[in-house]
Amino acid sequence: MTGATSGVGKATALGLAQQGATVVIVARNQAKGEAACQEIRAASGNTSINLLLADLSSQASIQQLATTFLDQYEQLHVFINNAGVFLTKRHLTVDHLEMTFAVNHLAPFLLTQLLLERLKASTPARIVNVCSGAHYTVQMNLQDLQLERGYNVWRAYAQSKLAMLLCSYKLARQLEGSGVTLNCLNPGFVFTNMGMTNVGPRMQTVAKAVLSRLGSSLEKGALTSLYLAMSPEVEQVTGKYYDQLILKQSSKASYDLALQEQVWEASRQMVHAYIR
């Protein structure tokens, strides 16, 4: 999983580790990544917590990450795209793309494509994409996906998450019948009894184990990721959006099939050097 060195991501990795999974964490900073792995090993008692290094703003680095993973691991049962950035100023990546869009959308888009055959060979398998409720607040501007005409931090973040959601729905349809499911979520979470009534006994046990080691509501947001990654209740569910463990409707724009196709093709063009 990406974005697992802090916050919701690290809490998610801990929850997976507590259930005995072999967890592979992707980090850009080796020291920070190793520290997260050591912390998760100590907290879970699971020694199968491994680190791979990659810069998710670089498509060449993403390709190398995929190659390294495929060389080292024969199976991939759960793939969680959790990494994201929220940048107050416009920055360009080494690929000359706007950084927020590149890391929040194009990185998971490309990495998923590069790992897709391994997921299909490991069925049943699940893809979990961490989106955001911010997507409700924006409409896609296909003529300015790179925000060259005026950068706004909120628009950049929201547009990147809407793009992720649009392409997730299209990919989920493509994967129907393959044994690979794909679901999205908003990690915002306030732990209440109402939320826990929506999950079964196994997930309640998992939740209690994770929460016993976590303090902040931010980290409790990992429960929705864990639910989609592990719960038998959603084993056959795909192409859905969850918020605080509850199945919800995402924005009207996110279900626009024509827009899904347009954003998908635009995304493919931006990563065309690394995919077929």
C-alpha atoms as a PDB file:
ATOM      1  CA  MET A   1       0.000   0.000   0.000  1.00  0.00           C
ATOM      2  CA  THR A   2       1.049   3.580  -0.590  1.00  0.00           C
ATOM      3  CA  GLY A   3       0.961   6.406   1.927  1.00  0.00           C
ATOM      4  CA  ALA A   4       1.473   4.141   4.928  1.00  0.00           C
ATOM      5  CA  THR A   5       4.163   5.970   6.879  1.00  0.00           C
ATOM      6  CA  SER A   6       1.766   8.135   8.897  1.00  0.00           C
ATOM      7  CA  GLY A   7      -1.852   8.849   9.781  1.00  0.00           C
ATOM      8  CA  VAL A   8      -4.645   6.835   8.216  1.00  0.00           C
ATOM      9  CA  GLY A   9      -2.227   4.898   6.034  1.00  0.00           C
ATOM     10  CA  LYS A  10      -0.076   3.703   8.896  1.00  0.00           C
ATOM     11  CA  ALA A  11      -3.164   2.789  10.899  1.00  0.00           C
ATOM     12  CA  THR A  12      -4.451   0.797   7.934  1.00  0.00           C
ATOM     13  CA  ALA A  13      -1.144  -1.027   7.594  1.00  0.00           C
ATOM     14  CA  LEU A  14      -1.256  -1.822  11.318  1.00  0.00           C
ATOM     15  CA  GLY A  15      -4.758  -3.245  10.997  1.00  0.00           C
ATOM     16  CA  LEU A  16      -3.679  -5.488   8.133  1.00  0.00           C
ATOM     17  CA  ALA A  17      -0.600  -6.576  10.063  1.00  0.00           C
ATOM     18  CA  GLN A  18      -2.684  -7.449  13.110  1.00  0.00           C
ATOM     19  CA  GLN A  19      -4.661  -9.840  10.923  1.00  0.00           C
ATOM     20  CA  GLY A  20      -1.485 -11.634   9.861  1.00  0.00           C
ATOM     21  CA  ALA A  21      -1.107 -10.165   6.381  1.00  0.00           C
ATOM     22  CA  THR A  22       2.222  -9.681   4.678  1.00  0.00           C
ATOM     23  CA  VAL A  23       2.239  -5.903   4.292  1.00  0.00           C
ATOM     24  CA  VAL A  24       4.358  -4.052   1.742  1.00  0.00           C
ATOM     25  CA  ILE A  25       4.664  -0.340   2.429  1.00  0.00           C
ATOM     26  CA  VAL A  26       5.695   2.138  -0.258  1.00  0.00           C
ATOM     27  CA  ALA A  27       7.601   5.191   0.943  1.00  0.00           C
ATOM     28  CA  ARG A  28       9.725   7.903  -0.632  1.00  0.00           C
ATOM     29  CA  ASN A  29      11.922   8.446   2.410  1.00  0.00           C
ATOM     30  CA  GLN A  30      13.832   5.347   3.507  1.00  0.00           C
ATOM     31  CA  ALA A  31      14.331   6.406   7.116  1.00  0.00           C
ATOM     32  CA  LYS A  32      10.670   7.300   7.553  1.00  0.00           C
ATOM     33  CA  GLY A  33       9.586   4.106   5.826  1.00  0.00           C
ATOM     34  CA  GLU A  34      11.814   1.903   7.948  1.00  0.00           C
ATOM     35  CA  ALA A  35      10.625   3.634  11.116  1.00  0.00           C
ATOM     36  CA  ALA A  36       6.996   2.989  10.150  1.00  0.00           C
ATOM     37  CA  CYS A  37       7.740  -0.670   9.422  1.00  0.00           C
ATOM     38  CA  GLN A  38       9.479  -1.106  12.769  1.00  0.00           C
ATOM     39  CA  GLU A  39       6.611   0.556  14.615  1.00  0.00           C
ATOM     40  CA  ILE A  40       4.025  -1.655  12.900  1.00  0.00           C
ATOM     41  CA  ARG A  41       6.056  -4.802  13.559  1.00  0.00           C
ATOM     42  CA  ALA A  42       6.357  -3.914  17.236  1.00  0.00           C
ATOM     43  CA  ALA A  43       2.677  -3.015  17.625  1.00  0.00           C
ATOM     44  CA  SER A  44       1.340  -6.041  15.751  1.00  0.00           C
ATOM     45  CA  GLY A  45       3.878  -8.765  16.497  1.00  0.00           C
ATOM     46  CA  ASN A  46       3.930  -9.414  12.744  1.00  0.00           C
ATOM     47  CA  THR A  47       7.430  -9.454  11.255  1.00  0.00           C
ATOM     48  CA  SER A  48       6.232  -9.622   7.633  1.00  0.00           C
ATOM     49  CA  ILE A  49       6.179  -5.862   7.157  1.00  0.00           C
ATOM     50  CA  ASN A  50       8.332  -4.838   4.220  1.00  0.00           C
ATOM     51  CA  LEU A  51       9.401  -1.593   2.577  1.00  0.00           C
ATOM     52  CA  LEU A  52       9.733  -0.566  -1.057  1.00  0.00           C
ATOM     53  CA  LEU A  53      11.001   2.877  -2.039  1.00  0.00           C
ATOM     54  CA  ALA A  54       9.450   5.057  -4.722  1.00  0.00           C
ATOM     55  CA  ASP A  55       8.765   8.670  -5.601  1.00  0.00           C
ATOM     56  CA  LEU A  56       5.116   8.696  -6.645  1.00  0.00           C
ATOM     57  CA  SER A  57       5.555  12.022  -8.433  1.00  0.00           C
ATOM     58  CA  SER A  58       7.866  10.307 -10.935  1.00  0.00           C
ATOM     59  CA  GLN A  59       6.411   7.898 -13.475  1.00  0.00           C
ATOM     60  CA  ALA A  60       9.802   6.261 -14.004  1.00  0.00           C
ATOM     61  CA  SER A  61      10.003   5.621 -10.264  1.00  0.00           C
ATOM     62  CA  ILE A  62       6.485   4.161 -10.284  1.00  0.00           C
ATOM     63  CA  GLN A  63       7.453   1.803 -13.090  1.00  0.00           C
ATOM     64  CA  GLN A  64      10.541   0.710 -11.148  1.00  0.00           C
ATOM     65  CA  LEU A  65       8.395   0.187  -8.055  1.00  0.00           C
ATOM     66  CA  ALA A  66       6.049  -2.091  -9.985  1.00  0.00           C
ATOM     67  CA  THR A  67       8.959  -4.027 -11.475  1.00  0.00           C
ATOM     68  CA  THR A  68      10.548  -4.523  -8.059  1.00  0.00           C
ATOM     69  CA  PHE A  69       7.274  -5.653  -6.497  1.00  0.00           C
ATOM     70  CA  LEU A  70       6.549  -8.105  -9.304  1.00  0.00           C
ATOM     71  CA  ASP A  71      10.055  -9.537  -8.995  1.00  0.00           C
ATOM     72  CA  GLN A  72       9.779 -10.025  -5.229  1.00  0.00           C
ATOM     73  CA  TYR A  73       6.152 -11.054  -4.677  1.00  0.00           C
ATOM     74  CA  GLU A  74       4.214 -13.744  -6.487  1.00  0.00           C
ATOM     75  CA  GLN A  75       0.800 -12.666  -5.223  1.00  0.00           C
ATOM     76  CA  LEU A  76      -1.098  -9.459  -4.545  1.00  0.00           C
ATOM     77  CA  HIS A  77      -4.451  -9.874  -2.819  1.00  0.00           C
ATOM     78  CA  VAL A  78      -5.121  -6.344  -1.571  1.00  0.00           C
ATOM     79  CA  PHE A  79      -3.793  -3.152  -3.151  1.00  0.00           C
ATOM     80  CA  ILE A  80      -4.516   0.109  -1.328  1.00  0.00           C
ATOM     81  CA  ASN A  81      -3.861   3.475  -2.979  1.00  0.00           C
ATOM     82  CA  ASN A  82      -3.695   5.783   0.022  1.00  0.00           C
ATOM     83  CA  ALA A  83      -0.917   8.279  -0.772  1.00  0.00           C
ATOM     84  CA  GLY A  84      -1.890  11.869  -1.440  1.00  0.00           C
ATOM     85  CA  VAL A  85      -0.660  15.453  -1.294  1.00  0.00           C
ATOM     86  CA  PHE A  86      -2.297  18.790  -0.532  1.00  0.00           C
ATOM     87  CA  LEU A  87      -0.109  21.581  -1.867  1.00  0.00           C
ATOM     88  CA  THR A  88      -0.698  25.282  -1.326  1.00  0.00           C
ATOM     89  CA  LYS A  89       1.317  26.240  -4.417  1.00  0.00           C
ATOM     90  CA  ARG A  90       1.489  24.803  -7.915  1.00  0.00           C
ATOM     91  CA  HIS A  91       4.501  22.574  -8.486  1.00  0.00           C
ATOM     92  CA  LEU A  92       5.523  20.516 -11.502  1.00  0.00           C
ATOM     93  CA  THR A  93       6.836  16.964 -11.376  1.00  0.00           C
ATOM     94  CA  VAL A  94       9.865  15.658 -13.250  1.00  0.00           C
ATOM     95  CA  ASP A  95       7.343  14.635 -15.915  1.00  0.00           C
ATOM     96  CA  HIS A  96       6.201  18.281 -16.190  1.00  0.00           C
ATOM     97  CA  LEU A  97       2.791  17.564 -14.708  1.00  0.00           C
ATOM     98  CA  GLU A  98       0.979  19.410 -11.944  1.00  0.00           C
ATOM     99  CA  MET A  99       2.040  17.717  -8.708  1.00  0.00           C
ATOM    100  CA  THR A 100      -1.322  17.278  -6.964  1.00  0.00           C
ATOM    101  CA  PHE A 101      -2.953  15.690 -10.006  1.00  0.00           C
ATOM    102  CA  ALA A 102       0.132  13.552 -10.636  1.00  0.00           C
ATOM    103  CA  VAL A 103       0.446  12.120  -7.117  1.00  0.00           C
ATOM    104  CA  ASN A 104      -3.224  11.885  -6.143  1.00  0.00           C
ATOM    105  CA  HIS A 105      -4.570  10.542  -9.421  1.00  0.00           C
ATOM    106  CA  LEU A 106      -1.990   9.629 -12.044  1.00  0.00           C
ATOM    107  CA  ALA A 107       0.239   7.693  -9.623  1.00  0.00           C
ATOM    108  CA  PRO A 108      -2.504   5.269  -8.505  1.00  0.00           C
ATOM    109  CA  PHE A 109      -3.846   5.149 -12.072  1.00  0.00           C
ATOM    110  CA  LEU A 110      -0.457   4.083 -13.455  1.00  0.00           C
ATOM    111  CA  LEU A 111       0.565   1.813 -10.590  1.00  0.00           C
ATOM    112  CA  THR A 112      -2.754  -0.023 -10.717  1.00  0.00           C
ATOM    113  CA  GLN A 113      -2.343  -0.638 -14.437  1.00  0.00           C
ATOM    114  CA  LEU A 114       1.181  -1.964 -13.912  1.00  0.00           C
ATOM    115  CA  LEU A 115       0.051  -4.365 -11.158  1.00  0.00           C
ATOM    116  CA  LEU A 116      -3.264  -5.388 -12.689  1.00  0.00           C
ATOM    117  CA  GLU A 117      -2.172  -8.714 -14.166  1.00  0.00           C
ATOM    118  CA  ARG A 118      -0.686  -9.784 -10.832  1.00  0.00           C
ATOM    119  CA  LEU A 119      -3.951  -8.912  -9.102  1.00  0.00           C
ATOM    120  CA  LYS A 120      -5.883 -10.966 -11.659  1.00  0.00           C
ATOM    121  CA  ALA A 121      -3.525 -13.880 -11.062  1.00  0.00           C
ATOM    122  CA  SER A 122      -4.086 -13.629  -7.280  1.00  0.00           C
ATOM    123  CA  THR A 123      -7.876 -13.713  -7.164  1.00  0.00           C
ATOM    124  CA  PRO A 124      -9.873 -13.087  -5.166  1.00  0.00           C
ATOM    125  CA  ALA A 125      -8.190  -9.695  -4.995  1.00  0.00           C
ATOM    126  CA  ARG A 126      -9.240  -6.195  -4.028  1.00  0.00           C
ATOM    127  CA  ILE A 127      -8.235  -2.667  -4.982  1.00  0.00           C
ATOM    128  CA  VAL A 128      -9.070   0.030  -2.440  1.00  0.00           C
ATOM    129  CA  ASN A 129      -8.760   3.651  -3.564  1.00  0.00           C
ATOM    130  CA  VAL A 130      -8.754   6.338  -0.887  1.00  0.00           C
ATOM    131  CA  CYS A 131     -10.655   9.294  -2.307  1.00  0.00           C
ATOM    132  CA  SER A 132     -12.168  12.256  -0.473  1.00  0.00           C
ATOM    133  CA  GLY A 133     -15.460  13.954   0.133  1.00  0.00           C
ATOM    134  CA  ALA A 134     -13.825  16.993  -1.459  1.00  0.00           C
ATOM    135  CA  HIS A 135     -14.797  15.553  -4.845  1.00  0.00           C
ATOM    136  CA  TYR A 136     -18.388  16.727  -4.269  1.00  0.00           C
ATOM    137  CA  THR A 137     -17.251  20.356  -4.460  1.00  0.00           C
ATOM    138  CA  VAL A 138     -15.771  20.447  -7.953  1.00  0.00           C
ATOM    139  CA  GLN A 139     -16.554  19.891 -11.619  1.00  0.00           C
ATOM    140  CA  MET A 140     -13.870  18.560 -13.950  1.00  0.00           C
ATOM    141  CA  ASN A 141     -12.337  21.117 -16.283  1.00  0.00           C
ATOM    142  CA  LEU A 142     -11.050  18.926 -19.100  1.00  0.00           C
ATOM    143  CA  GLN A 143      -9.442  21.933 -20.770  1.00  0.00           C
ATOM    144  CA  ASP A 144      -7.315  22.689 -17.714  1.00  0.00           C
ATOM    145  CA  LEU A 145      -6.565  19.472 -15.822  1.00  0.00           C
ATOM    146  CA  GLN A 146      -3.115  20.850 -15.013  1.00  0.00           C
ATOM    147  CA  LEU A 147      -4.533  24.090 -13.567  1.00  0.00           C
ATOM    148  CA  GLU A 148      -2.335  26.266 -15.732  1.00  0.00           C
ATOM    149  CA  ARG A 149      -4.932  29.038 -15.801  1.00  0.00           C
ATOM    150  CA  GLY A 150      -4.918  29.651 -12.083  1.00  0.00           C
ATOM    151  CA  TYR A 151      -4.008  27.330  -9.240  1.00  0.00           C
ATOM    152  CA  ASN A 152      -6.233  26.907  -6.226  1.00  0.00           C
ATOM    153  CA  VAL A 153      -5.230  24.403  -3.552  1.00  0.00           C
ATOM    154  CA  TRP A 154      -8.780  23.259  -2.847  1.00  0.00           C
ATOM    155  CA  ARG A 155      -9.681  22.890  -6.501  1.00  0.00           C
ATOM    156  CA  ALA A 156      -6.445  21.028  -7.234  1.00  0.00           C
ATOM    157  CA  TYR A 157      -7.071  18.525  -4.456  1.00  0.00           C
ATOM    158  CA  ALA A 158     -10.779  18.062  -5.179  1.00  0.00           C
ATOM    159  CA  GLN A 159     -10.249  17.689  -8.927  1.00  0.00           C
ATOM    160  CA  SER A 160      -7.545  15.062  -8.401  1.00  0.00           C
ATOM    161  CA  LYS A 161      -9.871  13.034  -6.178  1.00  0.00           C
ATOM    162  CA  LEU A 162     -12.778  13.328  -8.603  1.00  0.00           C
ATOM    163  CA  ALA A 163     -10.485  12.118 -11.387  1.00  0.00           C
ATOM    164  CA  MET A 164      -9.507   9.146  -9.236  1.00  0.00           C
ATOM    165  CA  LEU A 165     -13.154   8.334  -8.613  1.00  0.00           C
ATOM    166  CA  LEU A 166     -14.160   8.650 -12.277  1.00  0.00           C
ATOM    167  CA  CYS A 167     -11.410   6.292 -13.425  1.00  0.00           C
ATOM    168  CA  SER A 168     -12.060   3.909 -10.536  1.00  0.00           C
ATOM    169  CA  TYR A 169     -15.657   3.413 -11.623  1.00  0.00           C
ATOM    170  CA  LYS A 170     -14.594   2.734 -15.209  1.00  0.00           C
ATOM    171  CA  LEU A 171     -11.923   0.242 -14.139  1.00  0.00           C
ATOM    172  CA  ALA A 172     -14.346  -1.509 -11.775  1.00  0.00           C
ATOM    173  CA  ARG A 173     -16.647  -2.148 -14.738  1.00  0.00           C
ATOM    174  CA  GLN A 174     -13.751  -3.465 -16.810  1.00  0.00           C
ATOM    175  CA  LEU A 175     -12.836  -5.868 -14.004  1.00  0.00           C
ATOM    176  CA  GLU A 176     -16.311  -7.328 -13.508  1.00  0.00           C
ATOM    177  CA  GLY A 177     -16.087 -11.114 -13.559  1.00  0.00           C
ATOM    178  CA  SER A 178     -12.292 -11.109 -13.183  1.00  0.00           C
ATOM    179  CA  GLY A 179     -12.244 -11.836  -9.451  1.00  0.00           C
ATOM    180  CA  VAL A 180     -10.754  -8.395  -8.756  1.00  0.00           C
ATOM    181  CA  THR A 181     -12.979  -5.836  -7.044  1.00  0.00           C
ATOM    182  CA  LEU A 182     -12.390  -2.102  -6.772  1.00  0.00           C
ATOM    183  CA  ASN A 183     -14.035   0.227  -4.280  1.00  0.00           C
ATOM    184  CA  CYS A 184     -13.443   3.800  -3.162  1.00  0.00           C
ATOM    185  CA  LEU A 185     -13.831   5.557   0.140  1.00  0.00           C
ATOM    186  CA  ASN A 186     -13.746   8.799   2.031  1.00  0.00           C
ATOM    187  CA  PRO A 187     -11.496   8.167   5.066  1.00  0.00           C
ATOM    188  CA  GLY A 188     -13.077  10.878   7.202  1.00  0.00           C
ATOM    189  CA  PHE A 189     -14.348   9.047  10.265  1.00  0.00           C
ATOM    190  CA  VAL A 190     -15.856   9.740  13.678  1.00  0.00           C
ATOM    191  CA  PHE A 191     -16.141   6.520  15.655  1.00  0.00           C
ATOM    192  CA  THR A 192     -19.732   5.982  16.808  1.00  0.00           C
ATOM    193  CA  ASN A 193     -21.937   3.037  17.648  1.00  0.00           C
ATOM    194  CA  MET A 194     -24.004   3.927  14.583  1.00  0.00           C
ATOM    195  CA  GLY A 195     -20.981   3.336  12.361  1.00  0.00           C
ATOM    196  CA  MET A 196     -20.199  -0.024  13.895  1.00  0.00           C
ATOM    197  CA  THR A 197     -23.724  -1.343  13.389  1.00  0.00           C
ATOM    198  CA  ASN A 198     -22.983  -1.395   9.660  1.00  0.00           C
ATOM    199  CA  VAL A 199     -20.273  -4.054   9.936  1.00  0.00           C
ATOM    200  CA  GLY A 200     -20.256  -7.662  11.051  1.00  0.00           C
ATOM    201  CA  PRO A 201     -18.732  -9.280  14.148  1.00  0.00           C
ATOM    202  CA  ARG A 202     -15.368  -9.992  12.537  1.00  0.00           C
ATOM    203  CA  MET A 203     -14.840  -6.361  11.546  1.00  0.00           C
ATOM    204  CA  GLN A 204     -15.954  -5.177  14.980  1.00  0.00           C
ATOM    205  CA  THR A 205     -13.190  -7.328  16.459  1.00  0.00           C
ATOM    206  CA  VAL A 206     -10.670  -5.903  13.993  1.00  0.00           C
ATOM    207  CA  ALA A 207     -11.845  -2.372  14.761  1.00  0.00           C
ATOM    208  CA  LYS A 208     -11.432  -2.831  18.504  1.00  0.00           C
ATOM    209  CA  ALA A 209      -7.926  -4.239  18.024  1.00  0.00           C
ATOM    210  CA  VAL A 210      -6.880  -1.272  15.891  1.00  0.00           C
ATOM    211  CA  LEU A 211      -8.573   1.347  18.056  1.00  0.00           C
ATOM    212  CA  SER A 212      -6.910   0.012  21.187  1.00  0.00           C
ATOM    213  CA  ARG A 213      -3.608   1.278  19.753  1.00  0.00           C
ATOM    214  CA  LEU A 214      -4.797   4.504  18.168  1.00  0.00           C
ATOM    215  CA  GLY A 215      -5.870   7.808  19.555  1.00  0.00           C
ATOM    216  CA  SER A 216      -6.934  10.352  16.950  1.00  0.00           C
ATOM    217  CA  SER A 217     -10.039  10.433  14.778  1.00  0.00           C
ATOM    218  CA  LEU A 218      -7.720  10.722  11.772  1.00  0.00           C
ATOM    219  CA  GLU A 219      -6.289   7.291  12.466  1.00  0.00           C
ATOM    220  CA  LYS A 220      -9.736   5.865  13.180  1.00  0.00           C
ATOM    221  CA  GLY A 221     -10.517   6.724   9.574  1.00  0.00           C
ATOM    222  CA  ALA A 222      -8.501   3.630   8.668  1.00  0.00           C
ATOM    223  CA  LEU A 223     -11.494   1.475   9.563  1.00  0.00           C
ATOM    224  CA  THR A 224     -13.227   2.065   6.237  1.00  0.00           C
ATOM    225  CA  SER A 225     -10.082   1.083   4.340  1.00  0.00           C
ATOM    226  CA  LEU A 226      -9.767  -2.038   6.482  1.00  0.00           C
ATOM    227  CA  TYR A 227     -13.424  -2.877   5.939  1.00  0.00           C
ATOM    228  CA  LEU A 228     -13.069  -2.733   2.163  1.00  0.00           C
ATOM    229  CA  ALA A 229      -9.753  -4.581   2.260  1.00  0.00           C
ATOM    230  CA  MET A 230     -10.752  -7.470   4.522  1.00  0.00           C
ATOM    231  CA  SER A 231     -14.441  -7.822   5.271  1.00  0.00           C
ATOM    232  CA  PRO A 232     -16.213 -10.859   3.768  1.00  0.00           C
ATOM    233  CA  GLU A 233     -19.329  -8.675   3.639  1.00  0.00           C
ATOM    234  CA  VAL A 234     -17.940  -6.777   0.635  1.00  0.00           C
ATOM    235  CA  GLU A 235     -16.113  -9.644  -1.039  1.00  0.00           C
ATOM    236  CA  GLN A 236     -18.376  -9.456  -4.099  1.00  0.00           C
ATOM    237  CA  VAL A 237     -19.000  -5.706  -3.979  1.00  0.00           C
ATOM    238  CA  THR A 238     -17.308  -3.557  -6.607  1.00  0.00           C
ATOM    239  CA  GLY A 239     -17.531  -0.082  -8.089  1.00  0.00           C
ATOM    240  CA  LYS A 240     -18.924   1.508  -4.926  1.00  0.00           C
ATOM    241  CA  TYR A 241     -18.155   4.494  -2.700  1.00  0.00           C
ATOM    242  CA  TYR A 242     -18.091   4.257   1.097  1.00  0.00           C
ATOM    243  CA  ASP A 243     -18.015   6.980   3.722  1.00  0.00           C
ATOM    244  CA  GLN A 244     -17.602   6.112   7.411  1.00  0.00           C
ATOM    245  CA  LEU A 245     -18.281   2.435   6.694  1.00  0.00           C
ATOM    246  CA  ILE A 246     -21.545   3.317   4.965  1.00  0.00           C
ATOM    247  CA  LEU A 247     -22.299   2.803   1.270  1.00  0.00           C
ATOM    248  CA  LYS A 248     -23.114   6.203  -0.222  1.00  0.00           C
ATOM    249  CA  GLN A 249     -23.660   7.930  -3.533  1.00  0.00           C
ATOM    250  CA  SER A 250     -20.705   9.929  -4.767  1.00  0.00           C
ATOM    251  CA  SER A 251     -21.240  13.114  -6.764  1.00  0.00           C
ATOM    252  CA  LYS A 252     -23.490  13.149  -9.815  1.00  0.00           C
ATOM    253  CA  ALA A 253     -20.496  14.056 -11.980  1.00  0.00           C
ATOM    254  CA  SER A 254     -18.605  10.944 -10.871  1.00  0.00           C
ATOM    255  CA  TYR A 255     -21.224   8.694 -12.524  1.00  0.00           C
ATOM    256  CA  ASP A 256     -21.088  10.507 -15.877  1.00  0.00           C
ATOM    257  CA  LEU A 257     -19.991   7.746 -18.277  1.00  0.00           C
ATOM    258  CA  ALA A 258     -18.828  10.164 -20.957  1.00  0.00           C
ATOM    259  CA  LEU A 259     -16.758  12.082 -18.423  1.00  0.00           C
ATOM    260  CA  GLN A 260     -15.281   8.836 -17.133  1.00  0.00           C
ATOM    261  CA  GLU A 261     -14.141   7.992 -20.661  1.00  0.00           C
ATOM    262  CA  GLN A 262     -12.699  11.450 -21.227  1.00  0.00           C
ATOM    263  CA  VAL A 263     -10.727  11.536 -17.978  1.00  0.00           C
ATOM    264  CA  TRP A 264      -9.566   7.951 -18.531  1.00  0.00           C
ATOM    265  CA  GLU A 265      -8.214   8.773 -21.987  1.00  0.00           C
ATOM    266  CA  ALA A 266      -6.604  11.991 -20.774  1.00  0.00           C
ATOM    267  CA  SER A 267      -4.950  10.052 -17.954  1.00  0.00           C
ATOM    268  CA  ARG A 268      -3.697   7.365 -20.332  1.00  0.00           C
ATOM    269  CA  GLN A 269      -2.143  10.044 -22.503  1.00  0.00           C
ATOM    270  CA  MET A 270      -0.301  11.483 -19.508  1.00  0.00           C
ATOM    271  CA  VAL A 271       1.221   8.091 -18.616  1.00  0.00           C
ATOM    272  CA  HIS A 272       1.399   6.634 -22.135  1.00  0.00           C
ATOM    273  CA  ALA A 273       5.169   6.086 -22.024  1.00  0.00           C
ATOM    274  CA  TYR A 274       4.761   3.475 -19.275  1.00  0.00           C
ATOM    275  CA  ILE A 275       1.684   1.489 -20.300  1.00  0.00           C
ATOM    276  CA  ARG A 276       0.651  -0.404 -23.395  1.00  0.00           C
END
